[in-house]
Amino acid sequence: MRRMAALTIVAVMVVACSDSGAAPVETPVGRRSDPPPLTLYVSNQSYAEPEVGVTVTVDGEVVVDERFPVRDQHHVVPFTVYIDPGDHTLTATSDSGTEHTVEFTVPDDAPWWAAVLYWWYPEDGPPEFTVDISDEPISFG
């Protein structure tokens, strides 16, 4: 596994709805707080599983380990993660065992956004994650 030079995790989480416009609280912990942040959104989109535990890691380091209620499917929780520029691996895992991994590259001096959404419609098959990573802010409808 790649060694990450510095990963700084946000210690405070803010619960916000996507239409609230609320920004995540940034509380860096660790050595480095100067790179632009990765704004990470996590949401449970499954009425079939009204609450799901989700763990998100970046390069093997846990950055999110929370339970997420579905509410009205517009409940999106933002986190701010500081990572060094370069190649990274993001893995999302649910407490039911569903897992999704993506690799991405963060360039120097550019903020990034990621959305990790948990989905399960029993009539359509097993639970799954979708993970979108973008160099532009992600909008939720």
C-alpha atoms as a PDB file:
ATOM      1  CA  MET A   1       0.000   0.000   0.000  1.00  0.00           C
ATOM      2  CA  ARG A   2       1.240   3.469  -0.777  1.00  0.00           C
ATOM      3  CA  ARG A   3       2.496   5.465   2.143  1.00  0.00           C
ATOM      4  CA  MET A   4       0.812   8.800   2.411  1.00  0.00           C
ATOM      5  CA  ALA A   5       3.095  11.601   3.525  1.00  0.00           C
ATOM      6  CA  ALA A   6       0.458  13.417   5.492  1.00  0.00           C
ATOM      7  CA  LEU A   7      -3.225  12.881   5.998  1.00  0.00           C
ATOM      8  CA  THR A   8      -5.066  15.305   8.144  1.00  0.00           C
ATOM      9  CA  ILE A   9      -8.551  14.370   9.156  1.00  0.00           C
ATOM     10  CA  VAL A  10     -11.277  16.707  10.154  1.00  0.00           C
ATOM     11  CA  ALA A  11     -12.203  16.047  13.746  1.00  0.00           C
ATOM     12  CA  VAL A  12     -15.566  17.744  13.631  1.00  0.00           C
ATOM     13  CA  MET A  13     -18.503  16.700  11.469  1.00  0.00           C
ATOM     14  CA  VAL A  14     -21.364  18.927  10.469  1.00  0.00           C
ATOM     15  CA  VAL A  15     -24.745  17.464   9.639  1.00  0.00           C
ATOM     16  CA  ALA A  16     -26.308  19.416   6.809  1.00  0.00           C
ATOM     17  CA  CYS A  17     -28.937  19.034   4.129  1.00  0.00           C
ATOM     18  CA  SER A  18     -27.822  19.504   0.570  1.00  0.00           C
ATOM     19  CA  ASP A  19     -30.150  22.448   0.025  1.00  0.00           C
ATOM     20  CA  SER A  20     -29.057  24.254   3.169  1.00  0.00           C
ATOM     21  CA  GLY A  21     -25.888  25.599   1.572  1.00  0.00           C
ATOM     22  CA  ALA A  22     -24.060  24.947   4.837  1.00  0.00           C
ATOM     23  CA  ALA A  23     -20.322  24.536   4.517  1.00  0.00           C
ATOM     24  CA  PRO A  24     -18.485  21.831   6.426  1.00  0.00           C
ATOM     25  CA  VAL A  25     -16.657  22.881   9.550  1.00  0.00           C
ATOM     26  CA  GLU A  26     -12.913  22.687   9.061  1.00  0.00           C
ATOM     27  CA  THR A  27     -10.983  21.563  12.100  1.00  0.00           C
ATOM     28  CA  PRO A  28      -7.666  20.191  10.910  1.00  0.00           C
ATOM     29  CA  VAL A  29      -5.795  17.793  13.153  1.00  0.00           C
ATOM     30  CA  GLY A  30      -2.190  16.867  12.497  1.00  0.00           C
ATOM     31  CA  ARG A  31       0.883  18.291  10.855  1.00  0.00           C
ATOM     32  CA  ARG A  32      -0.445  19.813   7.694  1.00  0.00           C
ATOM     33  CA  SER A  33      -3.349  22.138   7.022  1.00  0.00           C
ATOM     34  CA  ASP A  34      -2.053  24.102   4.019  1.00  0.00           C
ATOM     35  CA  PRO A  35      -3.118  21.957   1.030  1.00  0.00           C
ATOM     36  CA  PRO A  36      -6.511  22.703  -0.458  1.00  0.00           C
ATOM     37  CA  PRO A  37      -9.131  20.412   1.057  1.00  0.00           C
ATOM     38  CA  LEU A  38     -11.034  17.453  -0.274  1.00  0.00           C
ATOM     39  CA  THR A  39     -14.684  18.089   0.590  1.00  0.00           C
ATOM     40  CA  LEU A  40     -16.207  14.660   1.085  1.00  0.00           C
ATOM     41  CA  TYR A  41     -19.989  14.192   1.140  1.00  0.00           C
ATOM     42  CA  VAL A  42     -21.536  10.980   2.486  1.00  0.00           C
ATOM     43  CA  SER A  43     -25.192  10.007   2.233  1.00  0.00           C
ATOM     44  CA  ASN A  44     -27.498   7.029   2.709  1.00  0.00           C
ATOM     45  CA  GLN A  45     -29.921   6.867  -0.233  1.00  0.00           C
ATOM     46  CA  SER A  46     -31.695   3.651   0.812  1.00  0.00           C
ATOM     47  CA  TYR A  47     -35.201   3.622   2.271  1.00  0.00           C
ATOM     48  CA  ALA A  48     -34.776  -0.176   2.534  1.00  0.00           C
ATOM     49  CA  GLU A  49     -31.972   0.410   5.050  1.00  0.00           C
ATOM     50  CA  PRO A  50     -33.050   3.467   7.082  1.00  0.00           C
ATOM     51  CA  GLU A  51     -29.665   3.705   8.829  1.00  0.00           C
ATOM     52  CA  VAL A  52     -26.329   2.354   7.622  1.00  0.00           C
ATOM     53  CA  GLY A  53     -22.827   2.435   9.040  1.00  0.00           C
ATOM     54  CA  VAL A  54     -20.295   3.752   6.536  1.00  0.00           C
ATOM     55  CA  THR A  55     -16.521   3.828   6.827  1.00  0.00           C
ATOM     56  CA  VAL A  56     -14.487   5.797   4.305  1.00  0.00           C
ATOM     57  CA  THR A  57     -10.722   5.494   4.096  1.00  0.00           C
ATOM     58  CA  VAL A  58      -8.185   7.423   2.064  1.00  0.00           C
ATOM     59  CA  ASP A  59      -4.981   5.463   1.544  1.00  0.00           C
ATOM     60  CA  GLY A  60      -5.996   3.139   4.352  1.00  0.00           C
ATOM     61  CA  GLU A  61      -6.571   5.929   6.889  1.00  0.00           C
ATOM     62  CA  VAL A  62     -10.108   6.197   8.280  1.00  0.00           C
ATOM     63  CA  VAL A  63     -11.575   9.625   7.511  1.00  0.00           C
ATOM     64  CA  VAL A  64     -15.257   8.806   8.190  1.00  0.00           C
ATOM     65  CA  ASP A  65     -16.751   6.156  10.451  1.00  0.00           C
ATOM     66  CA  GLU A  66     -20.363   7.083  11.181  1.00  0.00           C
ATOM     67  CA  ARG A  67     -23.967   5.895  10.960  1.00  0.00           C
ATOM     68  CA  PHE A  68     -26.066   7.667   8.332  1.00  0.00           C
ATOM     69  CA  PRO A  69     -29.876   7.833   8.426  1.00  0.00           C
ATOM     70  CA  VAL A  70     -31.729   7.986   5.101  1.00  0.00           C
ATOM     71  CA  ARG A  71     -34.159  10.674   6.290  1.00  0.00           C
ATOM     72  CA  ASP A  72     -35.651  12.086   3.050  1.00  0.00           C
ATOM     73  CA  GLN A  73     -32.711  11.003   0.848  1.00  0.00           C
ATOM     74  CA  HIS A  74     -31.513  14.621   0.796  1.00  0.00           C
ATOM     75  CA  HIS A  75     -29.476  14.217   3.957  1.00  0.00           C
ATOM     76  CA  VAL A  76     -25.868  14.768   2.906  1.00  0.00           C
ATOM     77  CA  VAL A  77     -23.098  15.060   5.496  1.00  0.00           C
ATOM     78  CA  PRO A  78     -19.970  17.034   4.513  1.00  0.00           C
ATOM     79  CA  PHE A  79     -16.485  16.300   5.846  1.00  0.00           C
ATOM     80  CA  THR A  80     -13.266  18.173   5.112  1.00  0.00           C
ATOM     81  CA  VAL A  81     -10.154  16.085   4.566  1.00  0.00           C
ATOM     82  CA  TYR A  82      -6.672  17.477   3.924  1.00  0.00           C
ATOM     83  CA  ILE A  83      -4.489  15.276   1.733  1.00  0.00           C
ATOM     84  CA  ASP A  84      -1.237  15.876  -0.055  1.00  0.00           C
ATOM     85  CA  PRO A  85      -1.172  16.216  -3.846  1.00  0.00           C
ATOM     86  CA  GLY A  86      -0.612  12.951  -5.680  1.00  0.00           C
ATOM     87  CA  ASP A  87      -2.242   9.575  -6.197  1.00  0.00           C
ATOM     88  CA  HIS A  88      -4.743   8.295  -3.627  1.00  0.00           C
ATOM     89  CA  THR A  89      -7.177   5.443  -3.032  1.00  0.00           C
ATOM     90  CA  LEU A  90     -10.613   6.028  -1.490  1.00  0.00           C
ATOM     91  CA  THR A  91     -12.561   3.037  -0.170  1.00  0.00           C
ATOM     92  CA  ALA A  92     -16.136   3.128   1.137  1.00  0.00           C
ATOM     93  CA  THR A  93     -17.412   0.169   3.182  1.00  0.00           C
ATOM     94  CA  SER A  94     -20.847  -0.355   4.743  1.00  0.00           C
ATOM     95  CA  ASP A  95     -21.517  -2.278   7.935  1.00  0.00           C
ATOM     96  CA  SER A  96     -23.270  -4.878   5.756  1.00  0.00           C
ATOM     97  CA  GLY A  97     -20.035  -5.512   3.821  1.00  0.00           C
ATOM     98  CA  THR A  98     -20.645  -3.544   0.626  1.00  0.00           C
ATOM     99  CA  GLU A  99     -17.402  -1.997  -0.615  1.00  0.00           C
ATOM    100  CA  HIS A 100     -16.344   0.331  -3.414  1.00  0.00           C
ATOM    101  CA  THR A 101     -12.803   1.548  -4.173  1.00  0.00           C
ATOM    102  CA  VAL A 102     -11.666   4.314  -6.527  1.00  0.00           C
ATOM    103  CA  GLU A 103      -8.278   5.764  -7.298  1.00  0.00           C
ATOM    104  CA  PHE A 104      -7.806   9.455  -7.945  1.00  0.00           C
ATOM    105  CA  THR A 105      -5.079  12.061  -8.295  1.00  0.00           C
ATOM    106  CA  VAL A 106      -5.045  15.395  -6.505  1.00  0.00           C
ATOM    107  CA  PRO A 107      -2.993  18.061  -8.304  1.00  0.00           C
ATOM    108  CA  ASP A 108      -1.065  20.786  -6.496  1.00  0.00           C
ATOM    109  CA  ASP A 109      -3.079  23.699  -5.113  1.00  0.00           C
ATOM    110  CA  ALA A 110      -6.528  22.598  -6.241  1.00  0.00           C
ATOM    111  CA  PRO A 111      -9.527  21.777  -4.057  1.00  0.00           C
ATOM    112  CA  TRP A 112     -11.440  18.565  -4.841  1.00  0.00           C
ATOM    113  CA  TRP A 113     -14.896  17.229  -4.053  1.00  0.00           C
ATOM    114  CA  ALA A 114     -16.125  13.668  -3.569  1.00  0.00           C
ATOM    115  CA  ALA A 115     -19.576  12.169  -3.016  1.00  0.00           C
ATOM    116  CA  VAL A 116     -19.990   8.711  -1.479  1.00  0.00           C
ATOM    117  CA  LEU A 117     -23.617   7.568  -1.747  1.00  0.00           C
ATOM    118  CA  TYR A 118     -24.970   4.288  -0.371  1.00  0.00           C
ATOM    119  CA  TRP A 119     -27.854   2.740  -2.341  1.00  0.00           C
ATOM    120  CA  TRP A 120     -29.996  -0.327  -1.811  1.00  0.00           C
ATOM    121  CA  TYR A 121     -33.215  -1.175  -3.564  1.00  0.00           C
ATOM    122  CA  PRO A 122     -33.783  -4.896  -2.778  1.00  0.00           C
ATOM    123  CA  GLU A 123     -35.744  -5.463  -5.997  1.00  0.00           C
ATOM    124  CA  ASP A 124     -32.710  -4.242  -7.996  1.00  0.00           C
ATOM    125  CA  GLY A 125     -30.034  -6.394  -6.352  1.00  0.00           C
ATOM    126  CA  PRO A 126     -27.473  -6.064  -3.570  1.00  0.00           C
ATOM    127  CA  PRO A 127     -26.472  -2.794  -1.876  1.00  0.00           C
ATOM    128  CA  GLU A 128     -23.866  -0.643  -3.616  1.00  0.00           C
ATOM    129  CA  PHE A 129     -21.971   2.617  -3.390  1.00  0.00           C
ATOM    130  CA  THR A 130     -21.532   5.238  -6.037  1.00  0.00           C
ATOM    131  CA  VAL A 131     -18.454   7.410  -5.675  1.00  0.00           C
ATOM    132  CA  ASP A 132     -17.999  10.576  -7.685  1.00  0.00           C
ATOM    133  CA  ILE A 133     -14.798  12.622  -7.482  1.00  0.00           C
ATOM    134  CA  SER A 134     -14.606  16.016  -9.149  1.00  0.00           C
ATOM    135  CA  ASP A 135     -12.454  19.100  -9.507  1.00  0.00           C
ATOM    136  CA  GLU A 136     -15.696  21.131  -9.356  1.00  0.00           C
ATOM    137  CA  PRO A 137     -18.232  21.408  -6.516  1.00  0.00           C
ATOM    138  CA  ILE A 138     -20.785  18.611  -6.493  1.00  0.00           C
ATOM    139  CA  SER A 139     -24.463  19.539  -6.512  1.00  0.00           C
ATOM    140  CA  PHE A 140     -27.245  17.484  -4.952  1.00  0.00           C
ATOM    141  CA  GLY A 141     -30.756  17.744  -6.324  1.00  0.00           C
END
